PDB file of N, CA and C in Angstrom:
ATOM      1  N   MET A   1       3.757   6.392 -15.719  1.00  0.00           N
ATOM      2  CA  MET A   1       4.067   5.073 -16.163  1.00  0.00           C
ATOM      3  C   MET A   1       2.841   4.162 -16.130  1.00  0.00           C
ATOM      4  N   ALA A   2       2.004   4.344 -15.124  1.00  0.00           N
ATOM      5  CA  ALA A   2       0.820   3.496 -15.024  1.00  0.00           C
ATOM      6  C   ALA A   2      -0.128   3.744 -16.182  1.00  0.00           C
ATOM      7  N   ILE A   3      -0.203   4.980 -16.657  1.00  0.00           N
ATOM      8  CA  ILE A   3      -1.075   5.280 -17.795  1.00  0.00           C
ATOM      9  C   ILE A   3      -0.555   4.586 -19.044  1.00  0.00           C
ATOM     10  N   VAL A   4       0.744   4.571 -19.229  1.00  0.00           N
ATOM     11  CA  VAL A   4       1.324   3.889 -20.385  1.00  0.00           C
ATOM     12  C   VAL A   4       1.093   2.387 -20.278  1.00  0.00           C
ATOM     13  N   LEU A   5       1.253   1.827 -19.078  1.00  0.00           N
ATOM     14  CA  LEU A   5       1.127   0.384 -18.914  1.00  0.00           C
ATOM     15  C   LEU A   5      -0.308  -0.109 -19.018  1.00  0.00           C
ATOM     16  N   PHE A   6      -1.225   0.569 -18.353  1.00  0.00           N
ATOM     17  CA  PHE A   6      -2.572   0.032 -18.239  1.00  0.00           C
ATOM     18  C   PHE A   6      -3.541   0.603 -19.271  1.00  0.00           C
ATOM     19  N   ALA A   7      -3.339   1.843 -19.722  1.00  0.00           N
ATOM     20  CA  ALA A   7      -4.246   2.440 -20.702  1.00  0.00           C
ATOM     21  C   ALA A   7      -3.631   2.490 -22.095  1.00  0.00           C
ATOM     22  N   ARG A   8      -2.363   2.168 -22.203  1.00  0.00           N
ATOM     23  CA  ARG A   8      -1.633   2.182 -23.473  1.00  0.00           C
ATOM     24  C   ARG A   8      -1.653   3.563 -24.135  1.00  0.00           C
ATOM     25  N   VAL A   9      -1.679   4.607 -23.310  1.00  0.00           N
ATOM     26  CA  VAL A   9      -1.630   5.980 -23.809  1.00  0.00           C
ATOM     27  C   VAL A   9      -0.186   6.457 -23.697  1.00  0.00           C
ATOM     28  N   GLY A  10       0.340   7.016 -24.762  1.00  0.00           N
ATOM     29  CA  GLY A  10       1.697   7.533 -24.759  1.00  0.00           C
ATOM     30  C   GLY A  10       2.739   6.511 -25.154  1.00  0.00           C
ATOM     31  N   THR A  11       2.313   5.432 -25.801  1.00  0.00           N
ATOM     32  CA  THR A  11       3.282   4.407 -26.192  1.00  0.00           C
ATOM     33  C   THR A  11       4.195   4.873 -27.318  1.00  0.00           C
ATOM     34  N   ASN A  12       3.830   5.953 -28.009  1.00  0.00           N
ATOM     35  CA  ASN A  12       4.742   6.461 -29.030  1.00  0.00           C
ATOM     36  C   ASN A  12       5.849   7.320 -28.413  1.00  0.00           C
ATOM     37  N   TYR A  13       5.724   7.689 -27.128  1.00  0.00           N
ATOM     38  CA  TYR A  13       6.762   8.442 -26.432  1.00  0.00           C
ATOM     39  C   TYR A  13       7.704   7.545 -25.638  1.00  0.00           C
ATOM     40  N   ILE A  14       7.158   6.497 -25.052  1.00  0.00           N
ATOM     41  CA  ILE A  14       7.956   5.582 -24.230  1.00  0.00           C
ATOM     42  C   ILE A  14       7.452   4.163 -24.477  1.00  0.00           C
ATOM     43  N   SER A  15       8.363   3.233 -24.586  1.00  0.00           N
ATOM     44  CA  SER A  15       7.955   1.855 -24.871  1.00  0.00           C
ATOM     45  C   SER A  15       7.372   1.195 -23.625  1.00  0.00           C
ATOM     46  N   ILE A  16       6.611   0.135 -23.858  1.00  0.00           N
ATOM     47  CA  ILE A  16       5.975  -0.589 -22.754  1.00  0.00           C
ATOM     48  C   ILE A  16       7.035  -1.210 -21.844  1.00  0.00           C
ATOM     49  N   SER A  17       8.085  -1.775 -22.426  1.00  0.00           N
ATOM     50  CA  SER A  17       9.115  -2.418 -21.597  1.00  0.00           C
ATOM     51  C   SER A  17       9.851  -1.389 -20.734  1.00  0.00           C
ATOM     52  N   THR A  18      10.118  -0.214 -21.275  1.00  0.00           N
ATOM     53  CA  THR A  18      10.758   0.834 -20.481  1.00  0.00           C
ATOM     54  C   THR A  18       9.835   1.314 -19.372  1.00  0.00           C
ATOM     55  N   ALA A  19       8.545   1.451 -19.680  1.00  0.00           N
ATOM     56  CA  ALA A  19       7.572   1.874 -18.667  1.00  0.00           C
ATOM     57  C   ALA A  19       7.471   0.838 -17.553  1.00  0.00           C
ATOM     58  N   ARG A  20       7.542  -0.447 -17.893  1.00  0.00           N
ATOM     59  CA  ARG A  20       7.505  -1.502 -16.867  1.00  0.00           C
ATOM     60  C   ARG A  20       8.701  -1.401 -15.931  1.00  0.00           C
ATOM     61  N   ILE A  21       9.867  -1.216 -16.506  1.00  0.00           N
ATOM     62  CA  ILE A  21      11.079  -1.134 -15.685  1.00  0.00           C
ATOM     63  C   ILE A  21      11.022   0.081 -14.762  1.00  0.00           C
ATOM     64  N   ILE A  22      10.627   1.232 -15.297  1.00  0.00           N
ATOM     65  CA  ILE A  22      10.526   2.442 -14.474  1.00  0.00           C
ATOM     66  C   ILE A  22       9.469   2.268 -13.395  1.00  0.00           C
ATOM     67  N   PHE A  23       8.335   1.643 -13.747  1.00  0.00           N
ATOM     68  CA  PHE A  23       7.252   1.423 -12.790  1.00  0.00           C
ATOM     69  C   PHE A  23       7.712   0.520 -11.648  1.00  0.00           C
ATOM     70  N   MET A  24       8.451  -0.556 -11.969  1.00  0.00           N
ATOM     71  CA  MET A  24       8.929  -1.469 -10.925  1.00  0.00           C
ATOM     72  C   MET A  24       9.980  -0.805 -10.040  1.00  0.00           C
ATOM     73  N   ILE A  25      10.904  -0.062 -10.630  1.00  0.00           N
ATOM     74  CA  ILE A  25      11.942   0.604  -9.838  1.00  0.00           C
ATOM     75  C   ILE A  25      11.331   1.680  -8.950  1.00  0.00           C
ATOM     76  N   ALA A  26      10.427   2.483  -9.508  1.00  0.00           N
ATOM     77  CA  ALA A  26       9.789   3.541  -8.718  1.00  0.00           C
ATOM     78  C   ALA A  26       8.916   2.949  -7.616  1.00  0.00           C
ATOM     79  N   GLY A  27       8.197   1.869  -7.915  1.00  0.00           N
ATOM     80  CA  GLY A  27       7.357   1.235  -6.899  1.00  0.00           C
ATOM     81  C   GLY A  27       8.169   0.628  -5.770  1.00  0.00           C
ATOM     82  N   ALA A  28       9.255  -0.049  -6.122  1.00  0.00           N
ATOM     83  CA  ALA A  28      10.096  -0.658  -5.090  1.00  0.00           C
ATOM     84  C   ALA A  28      10.764   0.407  -4.225  1.00  0.00           C
ATOM     85  N   SER A  29      11.263   1.461  -4.858  1.00  0.00           N
ATOM     86  CA  SER A  29      11.913   2.506  -4.063  1.00  0.00           C
ATOM     87  C   SER A  29      10.907   3.245  -3.185  1.00  0.00           C
ATOM     88  N   ALA A  30       9.706   3.492  -3.690  1.00  0.00           N
ATOM     89  CA  ALA A  30       8.684   4.144  -2.865  1.00  0.00           C
ATOM     90  C   ALA A  30       8.269   3.255  -1.703  1.00  0.00           C
ATOM     91  N   LEU A  31       8.156   1.954  -1.945  1.00  0.00           N
ATOM     92  CA  LEU A  31       7.791   1.022  -0.882  1.00  0.00           C
ATOM     93  C   LEU A  31       8.854   0.999   0.210  1.00  0.00           C
ATOM     94  N   VAL A  32      10.115   0.949  -0.178  1.00  0.00           N
ATOM     95  CA  VAL A  32      11.201   0.907   0.802  1.00  0.00           C
ATOM     96  C   VAL A  32      11.316   2.236   1.551  1.00  0.00           C
ATOM     97  N   LEU A  33      11.263   3.351   0.830  1.00  0.00           N
ATOM     98  CA  LEU A  33      11.370   4.653   1.494  1.00  0.00           C
ATOM     99  C   LEU A  33      10.197   4.910   2.423  1.00  0.00           C
ATOM    100  N   ASN A  34       9.008   4.496   2.023  1.00  0.00           N
ATOM    101  CA  ASN A  34       7.839   4.680   2.875  1.00  0.00           C
ATOM    102  C   ASN A  34       7.911   3.774   4.100  1.00  0.00           C
ATOM    103  N   LEU A  35       8.485   2.606   3.946  1.00  0.00           N
ATOM    104  CA  LEU A  35       8.640   1.699   5.077  1.00  0.00           C
ATOM    105  C   LEU A  35       9.570   2.298   6.126  1.00  0.00           C
ATOM    106  N   PHE A  36      10.659   2.928   5.693  1.00  0.00           N
ATOM    107  CA  PHE A  36      11.604   3.516   6.636  1.00  0.00           C
ATOM    108  C   PHE A  36      11.091   4.806   7.261  1.00  0.00           C
ATOM    109  N   SER A  37      10.260   5.543   6.553  1.00  0.00           N
ATOM    110  CA  SER A  37       9.777   6.817   7.084  1.00  0.00           C
ATOM    111  C   SER A  37       8.437   6.688   7.792  1.00  0.00           C
ATOM    112  N   PHE A  38       7.899   5.490   7.896  1.00  0.00           N
ATOM    113  CA  PHE A  38       6.592   5.291   8.519  1.00  0.00           C
ATOM    114  C   PHE A  38       6.705   5.510  10.022  1.00  0.00           C
ATOM    115  N   GLN A  39       5.793   6.263  10.585  1.00  0.00           N
ATOM    116  CA  GLN A  39       5.828   6.550  12.017  1.00  0.00           C
ATOM    117  C   GLN A  39       5.049   5.465  12.746  1.00  0.00           C
ATOM    118  N   SER A  40       5.762   4.559  13.357  1.00  0.00           N
ATOM    119  CA  SER A  40       5.103   3.419  13.993  1.00  0.00           C
ATOM    120  C   SER A  40       4.432   3.787  15.309  1.00  0.00           C
ATOM    121  N   ASN A  41       4.774   4.906  15.898  1.00  0.00           N
ATOM    122  CA  ASN A  41       4.183   5.246  17.189  1.00  0.00           C
ATOM    123  C   ASN A  41       2.751   5.747  17.059  1.00  0.00           C
ATOM    124  N   LYS A  42       2.290   6.064  15.865  1.00  0.00           N
ATOM    125  CA  LYS A  42       0.932   6.560  15.693  1.00  0.00           C
ATOM    126  C   LYS A  42      -0.049   5.439  15.369  1.00  0.00           C
ATOM    127  N   GLN A  43       0.418   4.278  15.063  1.00  0.00           N
ATOM    128  CA  GLN A  43      -0.452   3.182  14.661  1.00  0.00           C
ATOM    129  C   GLN A  43      -0.227   1.972  15.556  1.00  0.00           C
ATOM    130  N   ASN A  44      -1.173   1.080  15.475  1.00  0.00           N
ATOM    131  CA  ASN A  44      -1.061  -0.203  16.143  1.00  0.00           C
ATOM    132  C   ASN A  44       0.036  -1.007  15.440  1.00  0.00           C
ATOM    133  N   PRO A  45       0.977  -1.610  16.166  1.00  0.00           N
ATOM    134  CA  PRO A  45       2.049  -2.356  15.498  1.00  0.00           C
ATOM    135  C   PRO A  45       1.537  -3.549  14.697  1.00  0.00           C
ATOM    136  N   VAL A  46       0.435  -4.152  15.129  1.00  0.00           N
ATOM    137  CA  VAL A  46      -0.132  -5.272  14.366  1.00  0.00           C
ATOM    138  C   VAL A  46      -0.659  -4.762  13.032  1.00  0.00           C
ATOM    139  N   PHE A  47      -1.342  -3.615  13.060  1.00  0.00           N
ATOM    140  CA  PHE A  47      -1.838  -2.998  11.830  1.00  0.00           C
ATOM    141  C   PHE A  47      -0.683  -2.704  10.882  1.00  0.00           C
ATOM    142  N   THR A  48       0.399  -2.137  11.413  1.00  0.00           N
ATOM    143  CA  THR A  48       1.547  -1.782  10.588  1.00  0.00           C
ATOM    144  C   THR A  48       2.159  -3.016   9.943  1.00  0.00           C
ATOM    145  N   LEU A  49       2.343  -4.073  10.718  1.00  0.00           N
ATOM    146  CA  LEU A  49       2.943  -5.294  10.192  1.00  0.00           C
ATOM    147  C   LEU A  49       2.069  -5.927   9.117  1.00  0.00           C
ATOM    148  N   VAL A  50       0.782  -6.044   9.371  1.00  0.00           N
ATOM    149  CA  VAL A  50      -0.120  -6.679   8.404  1.00  0.00           C
ATOM    150  C   VAL A  50      -0.241  -5.821   7.146  1.00  0.00           C
ATOM    151  N   PHE A  51      -0.312  -4.498   7.307  1.00  0.00           N
ATOM    152  CA  PHE A  51      -0.412  -3.611   6.149  1.00  0.00           C
ATOM    153  C   PHE A  51       0.819  -3.733   5.259  1.00  0.00           C
ATOM    154  N   TRP A  52       2.007  -3.709   5.856  1.00  0.00           N
ATOM    155  CA  TRP A  52       3.224  -3.799   5.054  1.00  0.00           C
ATOM    156  C   TRP A  52       3.395  -5.178   4.442  1.00  0.00           C
ATOM    157  N   LEU A  53       2.981  -6.216   5.140  1.00  0.00           N
ATOM    158  CA  LEU A  53       3.022  -7.558   4.562  1.00  0.00           C
ATOM    159  C   LEU A  53       2.131  -7.625   3.322  1.00  0.00           C
ATOM    160  N   GLY A  54       0.923  -7.082   3.424  1.00  0.00           N
ATOM    161  CA  GLY A  54       0.021  -7.052   2.275  1.00  0.00           C
ATOM    162  C   GLY A  54       0.566  -6.226   1.132  1.00  0.00           C
ATOM    163  N   SER A  55       1.208  -5.111   1.443  1.00  0.00           N
ATOM    164  CA  SER A  55       1.781  -4.258   0.399  1.00  0.00           C
ATOM    165  C   SER A  55       2.918  -4.960  -0.333  1.00  0.00           C
ATOM    166  N   VAL A  56       3.751  -5.660   0.406  1.00  0.00           N
ATOM    167  CA  VAL A  56       4.860  -6.381  -0.221  1.00  0.00           C
ATOM    168  C   VAL A  56       4.337  -7.521  -1.088  1.00  0.00           C
ATOM    169  N   VAL A  57       3.348  -8.268  -0.597  1.00  0.00           N
ATOM    170  CA  VAL A  57       2.769  -9.362  -1.386  1.00  0.00           C
ATOM    171  C   VAL A  57       2.118  -8.808  -2.650  1.00  0.00           C
ATOM    172  N   LEU A  58       1.426  -7.692  -2.533  1.00  0.00           N
ATOM    173  CA  LEU A  58       0.796  -7.064  -3.694  1.00  0.00           C
ATOM    174  C   LEU A  58       1.839  -6.610  -4.709  1.00  0.00           C
ATOM    175  N   PHE A  59       2.926  -6.020  -4.249  1.00  0.00           N
ATOM    176  CA  PHE A  59       3.979  -5.578  -5.159  1.00  0.00           C
ATOM    177  C   PHE A  59       4.634  -6.768  -5.857  1.00  0.00           C
ATOM    178  N   VAL A  60       4.854  -7.848  -5.131  1.00  0.00           N
ATOM    179  CA  VAL A  60       5.416  -9.054  -5.749  1.00  0.00           C
ATOM    180  C   VAL A  60       4.450  -9.606  -6.796  1.00  0.00           C
ATOM    181  N   GLY A  61       3.158  -9.573  -6.505  1.00  0.00           N
ATOM    182  CA  GLY A  61       2.163 -10.021  -7.477  1.00  0.00           C
ATOM    183  C   GLY A  61       2.168  -9.183  -8.740  1.00  0.00           C
ATOM    184  N   LEU A  62       2.364  -7.868  -8.597  1.00  0.00           N
ATOM    185  CA  LEU A  62       2.441  -7.011  -9.779  1.00  0.00           C
ATOM    186  C   LEU A  62       3.694  -7.303 -10.600  1.00  0.00           C
ATOM    187  N   ILE A  63       4.791  -7.598  -9.929  1.00  0.00           N
ATOM    188  CA  ILE A  63       6.000  -7.975 -10.670  1.00  0.00           C
ATOM    189  C   ILE A  63       5.771  -9.299 -11.400  1.00  0.00           C
ATOM    190  N   PHE A  64       5.102 -10.257 -10.755  1.00  0.00           N
ATOM    191  CA  PHE A  64       4.773 -11.516 -11.420  1.00  0.00           C
ATOM    192  C   PHE A  64       3.905 -11.254 -12.650  1.00  0.00           C
ATOM    193  N   GLN A  65       2.968 -10.317 -12.535  1.00  0.00           N
ATOM    194  CA  GLN A  65       2.083 -10.017 -13.655  1.00  0.00           C
ATOM    195  C   GLN A  65       2.859  -9.382 -14.808  1.00  0.00           C
ATOM    196  N   PHE A  66       3.762  -8.464 -14.509  1.00  0.00           N
ATOM    197  CA  PHE A  66       4.541  -7.828 -15.568  1.00  0.00           C
ATOM    198  C   PHE A  66       5.479  -8.811 -16.256  1.00  0.00           C
ATOM    199  N   LYS A  67       5.974  -9.777 -15.500  1.00  0.00           N
ATOM    200  CA  LYS A  67       6.887 -10.770 -16.063  1.00  0.00           C
ATOM    201  C   LYS A  67       6.148 -11.946 -16.703  1.00  0.00           C
ATOM    202  N   HIS A  68       4.813 -11.950 -16.612  1.00  0.00           N
ATOM    203  CA  HIS A  68       3.967 -13.017 -17.154  1.00  0.00           C
ATOM    204  C   HIS A  68       4.291 -14.376 -16.538  1.00  0.00           C
ATOM    205  N   TRP A  69       4.587 -14.375 -15.256  1.00  0.00           N
ATOM    206  CA  TRP A  69       4.827 -15.611 -14.533  1.00  0.00           C
ATOM    207  C   TRP A  69       3.497 -16.169 -14.039  1.00  0.00           C
ATOM    208  N   PRO A  70       3.432 -17.464 -13.774  1.00  0.00           N
ATOM    209  CA  PRO A  70       2.154 -18.036 -13.317  1.00  0.00           C
ATOM    210  C   PRO A  70       1.796 -17.588 -11.898  1.00  0.00           C
ATOM    211  N   TYR A  71       0.516 -17.721 -11.587  1.00  0.00           N
ATOM    212  CA  TYR A  71      -0.061 -17.429 -10.266  1.00  0.00           C
ATOM    213  C   TYR A  71      -0.038 -15.947  -9.909  1.00  0.00           C
ATOM    214  N   HIS A  72       0.118 -15.072 -10.880  1.00  0.00           N
ATOM    215  CA  HIS A  72       0.156 -13.641 -10.558  1.00  0.00           C
ATOM    216  C   HIS A  72      -1.193 -13.146 -10.058  1.00  0.00           C
ATOM    217  N   LYS A  73      -2.291 -13.681 -10.589  1.00  0.00           N
ATOM    218  CA  LYS A  73      -3.614 -13.233 -10.134  1.00  0.00           C
ATOM    219  C   LYS A  73      -3.860 -13.632  -8.683  1.00  0.00           C
ATOM    220  N   VAL A  74      -3.443 -14.835  -8.327  1.00  0.00           N
ATOM    221  CA  VAL A  74      -3.632 -15.310  -6.953  1.00  0.00           C
ATOM    222  C   VAL A  74      -2.824 -14.452  -5.981  1.00  0.00           C
ATOM    223  N   ILE A  75      -1.593 -14.134  -6.346  1.00  0.00           N
ATOM    224  CA  ILE A  75      -0.737 -13.341  -5.464  1.00  0.00           C
ATOM    225  C   ILE A  75      -1.293 -11.928  -5.299  1.00  0.00           C
ATOM    226  N   VAL A  76      -1.790 -11.329  -6.379  1.00  0.00           N
ATOM    227  CA  VAL A  76      -2.372  -9.983  -6.288  1.00  0.00           C
ATOM    228  C   VAL A  76      -3.618 -10.001  -5.415  1.00  0.00           C
ATOM    229  N   ILE A  77      -4.475 -11.004  -5.584  1.00  0.00           N
ATOM    230  CA  ILE A  77      -5.698 -11.094  -4.777  1.00  0.00           C
ATOM    231  C   ILE A  77      -5.360 -11.298  -3.302  1.00  0.00           C
ATOM    232  N   VAL A  78      -4.383 -12.142  -3.010  1.00  0.00           N
ATOM    233  CA  VAL A  78      -3.974 -12.361  -1.616  1.00  0.00           C
ATOM    234  C   VAL A  78      -3.395 -11.074  -1.020  1.00  0.00           C
ATOM    235  N   GLY A  79      -2.576 -10.355  -1.786  1.00  0.00           N
ATOM    236  CA  GLY A  79      -2.027  -9.088  -1.302  1.00  0.00           C
ATOM    237  C   GLY A  79      -3.103  -8.056  -1.030  1.00  0.00           C
ATOM    238  N   LEU A  80      -4.092  -7.967  -1.921  1.00  0.00           N
ATOM    239  CA  LEU A  80      -5.201  -7.035  -1.696  1.00  0.00           C
ATOM    240  C   LEU A  80      -6.027  -7.445  -0.484  1.00  0.00           C
ATOM    241  N   ALA A  81      -6.225  -8.752  -0.304  1.00  0.00           N
ATOM    242  CA  ALA A  81      -7.002  -9.226   0.845  1.00  0.00           C
ATOM    243  C   ALA A  81      -6.280  -8.929   2.160  1.00  0.00           C
ATOM    244  N   ILE A  82      -4.976  -9.171   2.202  1.00  0.00           N
ATOM    245  CA  ILE A  82      -4.210  -8.892   3.424  1.00  0.00           C
ATOM    246  C   ILE A  82      -4.233  -7.401   3.738  1.00  0.00           C
ATOM    247  N   THR A  83      -4.063  -6.570   2.714  1.00  0.00           N
ATOM    248  CA  THR A  83      -4.106  -5.124   2.930  1.00  0.00           C
ATOM    249  C   THR A  83      -5.488  -4.686   3.392  1.00  0.00           C
ATOM    250  N   GLY A  84      -6.531  -5.271   2.826  1.00  0.00           N
ATOM    251  CA  GLY A  84      -7.891  -4.939   3.251  1.00  0.00           C
ATOM    252  C   GLY A  84      -8.176  -5.361   4.677  1.00  0.00           C
ATOM    253  N   ILE A  85      -7.687  -6.527   5.061  1.00  0.00           N
ATOM    254  CA  ILE A  85      -7.876  -7.012   6.433  1.00  0.00           C
ATOM    255  C   ILE A  85      -7.153  -6.104   7.427  1.00  0.00           C
ATOM    256  N   SER A  86      -6.026  -5.537   7.009  1.00  0.00           N
ATOM    257  CA  SER A  86      -5.263  -4.689   7.933  1.00  0.00           C
ATOM    258  C   SER A  86      -6.053  -3.461   8.369  1.00  0.00           C
ATOM    259  N   PHE A  87      -6.973  -2.999   7.565  1.00  0.00           N
ATOM    260  CA  PHE A  87      -7.752  -1.822   7.952  1.00  0.00           C
ATOM    261  C   PHE A  87      -8.766  -2.140   9.041  1.00  0.00           C
ATOM    262  N   PHE A  88      -9.099  -3.407   9.207  1.00  0.00           N
ATOM    263  CA  PHE A  88      -9.975  -3.794  10.304  1.00  0.00           C
ATOM    264  C   PHE A  88      -9.204  -3.977  11.607  1.00  0.00           C
ATOM    265  N   LEU A  89      -7.885  -3.882  11.554  1.00  0.00           N
ATOM    266  CA  LEU A  89      -7.048  -4.039  12.744  1.00  0.00           C
ATOM    267  C   LEU A  89      -6.622  -2.700  13.333  1.00  0.00           C
ATOM    268  N   SER A  90      -7.221  -1.611  12.899  1.00  0.00           N
ATOM    269  CA  SER A  90      -6.844  -0.309  13.446  1.00  0.00           C
ATOM    270  C   SER A  90      -7.295  -0.219  14.898  1.00  0.00           C
ATOM    271  N   PRO A  91      -6.589   0.515  15.726  1.00  0.00           N
ATOM    272  CA  PRO A  91      -6.908   0.559  17.160  1.00  0.00           C
ATOM    273  C   PRO A  91      -8.301   1.098  17.447  1.00  0.00           C
ATOM    274  N   SER A  92      -8.765   2.054  16.676  1.00  0.00           N
ATOM    275  CA  SER A  92     -10.088   2.618  16.945  1.00  0.00           C
ATOM    276  C   SER A  92     -11.192   1.611  16.660  1.00  0.00           C
ATOM    277  N   LEU A  93     -10.991   0.730  15.695  1.00  0.00           N
ATOM    278  CA  LEU A  93     -12.008  -0.278  15.416  1.00  0.00           C
ATOM    279  C   LEU A  93     -11.944  -1.437  16.406  1.00  0.00           C
ATOM    280  N   LEU A  94     -10.752  -1.758  16.902  1.00  0.00           N
ATOM    281  CA  LEU A  94     -10.626  -2.861  17.852  1.00  0.00           C
ATOM    282  C   LEU A  94     -11.144  -2.488  19.234  1.00  0.00           C
ATOM    283  N   THR A  95     -10.825  -1.283  19.692  1.00  0.00           N
ATOM    284  CA  THR A  95     -11.216  -0.883  21.044  1.00  0.00           C
ATOM    285  C   THR A  95     -12.508  -0.086  21.081  1.00  0.00           C
ATOM    286  N   GLY A  96     -12.922   0.458  19.958  1.00  0.00           N
ATOM    287  CA  GLY A  96     -14.126   1.276  19.933  1.00  0.00           C
ATOM    288  C   GLY A  96     -13.874   2.706  20.360  1.00  0.00           C
ATOM    289  N   LYS A  97     -12.652   3.037  20.747  1.00  0.00           N
ATOM    290  CA  LYS A  97     -12.297   4.395  21.159  1.00  0.00           C
ATOM    291  C   LYS A  97     -11.401   5.018  20.097  1.00  0.00           C
ATOM    292  N   SER A  98     -11.494   6.308  19.983  1.00  0.00           N
ATOM    293  CA  SER A  98     -10.584   7.005  19.079  1.00  0.00           C
ATOM    294  C   SER A  98      -9.902   8.133  19.839  1.00  0.00           C
ATOM    295  N   ASP A  99      -8.704   8.426  19.444  1.00  0.00           N
ATOM    296  CA  ASP A  99      -7.943   9.493  20.086  1.00  0.00           C
ATOM    297  C   ASP A  99      -8.307  10.812  19.424  1.00  0.00           C
ATOM    298  N   THR A 100      -9.133  11.595  20.103  1.00  0.00           N
ATOM    299  CA  THR A 100      -9.548  12.890  19.563  1.00  0.00           C
ATOM    300  C   THR A 100      -9.003  14.022  20.421  1.00  0.00           C
ATOM    301  N   SER A 101      -7.823  13.840  20.960  1.00  0.00           N
ATOM    302  CA  SER A 101      -7.256  14.865  21.835  1.00  0.00           C
ATOM    303  C   SER A 101      -6.877  16.125  21.071  1.00  0.00           C
ATOM    304  N   ASP A 102      -6.723  16.028  19.751  1.00  0.00           N
ATOM    305  CA  ASP A 102      -6.356  17.206  18.985  1.00  0.00           C
ATOM    306  C   ASP A 102      -7.567  17.949  18.429  1.00  0.00           C
ATOM    307  N   VAL A 103      -8.770  17.470  18.691  1.00  0.00           N
ATOM    308  CA  VAL A 103      -9.976  18.136  18.226  1.00  0.00           C
ATOM    309  C   VAL A 103     -10.283  19.309  19.148  1.00  0.00           C
ATOM    310  N   LEU A 104     -10.493  20.474  18.578  1.00  0.00           N
ATOM    311  CA  LEU A 104     -10.699  21.676  19.387  1.00  0.00           C
ATOM    312  C   LEU A 104     -12.063  21.706  20.065  1.00  0.00           C
ATOM    313  N   ASP A 105     -13.074  21.138  19.443  1.00  0.00           N
ATOM    314  CA  ASP A 105     -14.426  21.204  19.989  1.00  0.00           C
ATOM    315  C   ASP A 105     -14.764  20.030  20.900  1.00  0.00           C
ATOM    316  N   ASP A 106     -13.790  19.231  21.244  1.00  0.00           N
ATOM    317  CA  ASP A 106     -14.043  18.079  22.105  1.00  0.00           C
ATOM    318  C   ASP A 106     -14.335  18.572  23.523  1.00  0.00           C
ATOM    319  N   PRO A 107     -15.506  18.251  24.103  1.00  0.00           N
ATOM    320  CA  PRO A 107     -15.835  18.744  25.445  1.00  0.00           C
ATOM    321  C   PRO A 107     -14.903  18.216  26.531  1.00  0.00           C
ATOM    322  N   LYS A 108     -14.251  17.086  26.299  1.00  0.00           N
ATOM    323  CA  LYS A 108     -13.333  16.533  27.300  1.00  0.00           C
ATOM    324  C   LYS A 108     -12.070  17.376  27.433  1.00  0.00           C
ATOM    325  N   ASN A 109     -11.726  18.128  26.382  1.00  0.00           N
ATOM    326  CA  ASN A 109     -10.496  18.915  26.396  1.00  0.00           C
ATOM    327  C   ASN A 109     -10.687  20.305  26.984  1.00  0.00           C
ATOM    328  N   GLN A 110     -11.921  20.718  27.225  1.00  0.00           N
ATOM    329  CA  GLN A 110     -12.164  22.071  27.728  1.00  0.00           C
ATOM    330  C   GLN A 110     -11.953  22.130  29.237  1.00  0.00           C
ATOM    331  N   VAL A 111     -11.406  23.243  29.700  1.00  0.00           N
ATOM    332  CA  VAL A 111     -11.103  23.411  31.120  1.00  0.00           C
ATOM    333  C   VAL A 111     -12.220  24.132  31.818  1.00  0.00           C
TER     334      VAL A 111
END
């Protein structure tokens, strides 16, 4: 669907309006399903909250863009910025330590 929407390839097979509807439904369902299946115990809860907030704002901005509503560029930029900031909130970057307990060659794990 993204190829039809953004590159205009395959428009003789599926119309742009149909591709928009499928893209929005698939994006919303993937966002919701991924939100429910996300394993929060592996990540910092602040990172998870900020990342999902940015993802939701970005998705709303894309819907604004498809509907040709005003301020869609601002909403998309804010969503991308929030999502980008969330990557600086990962636990390894905040504390400077990383959990490498599953690495086989880690000298700390050898007996």
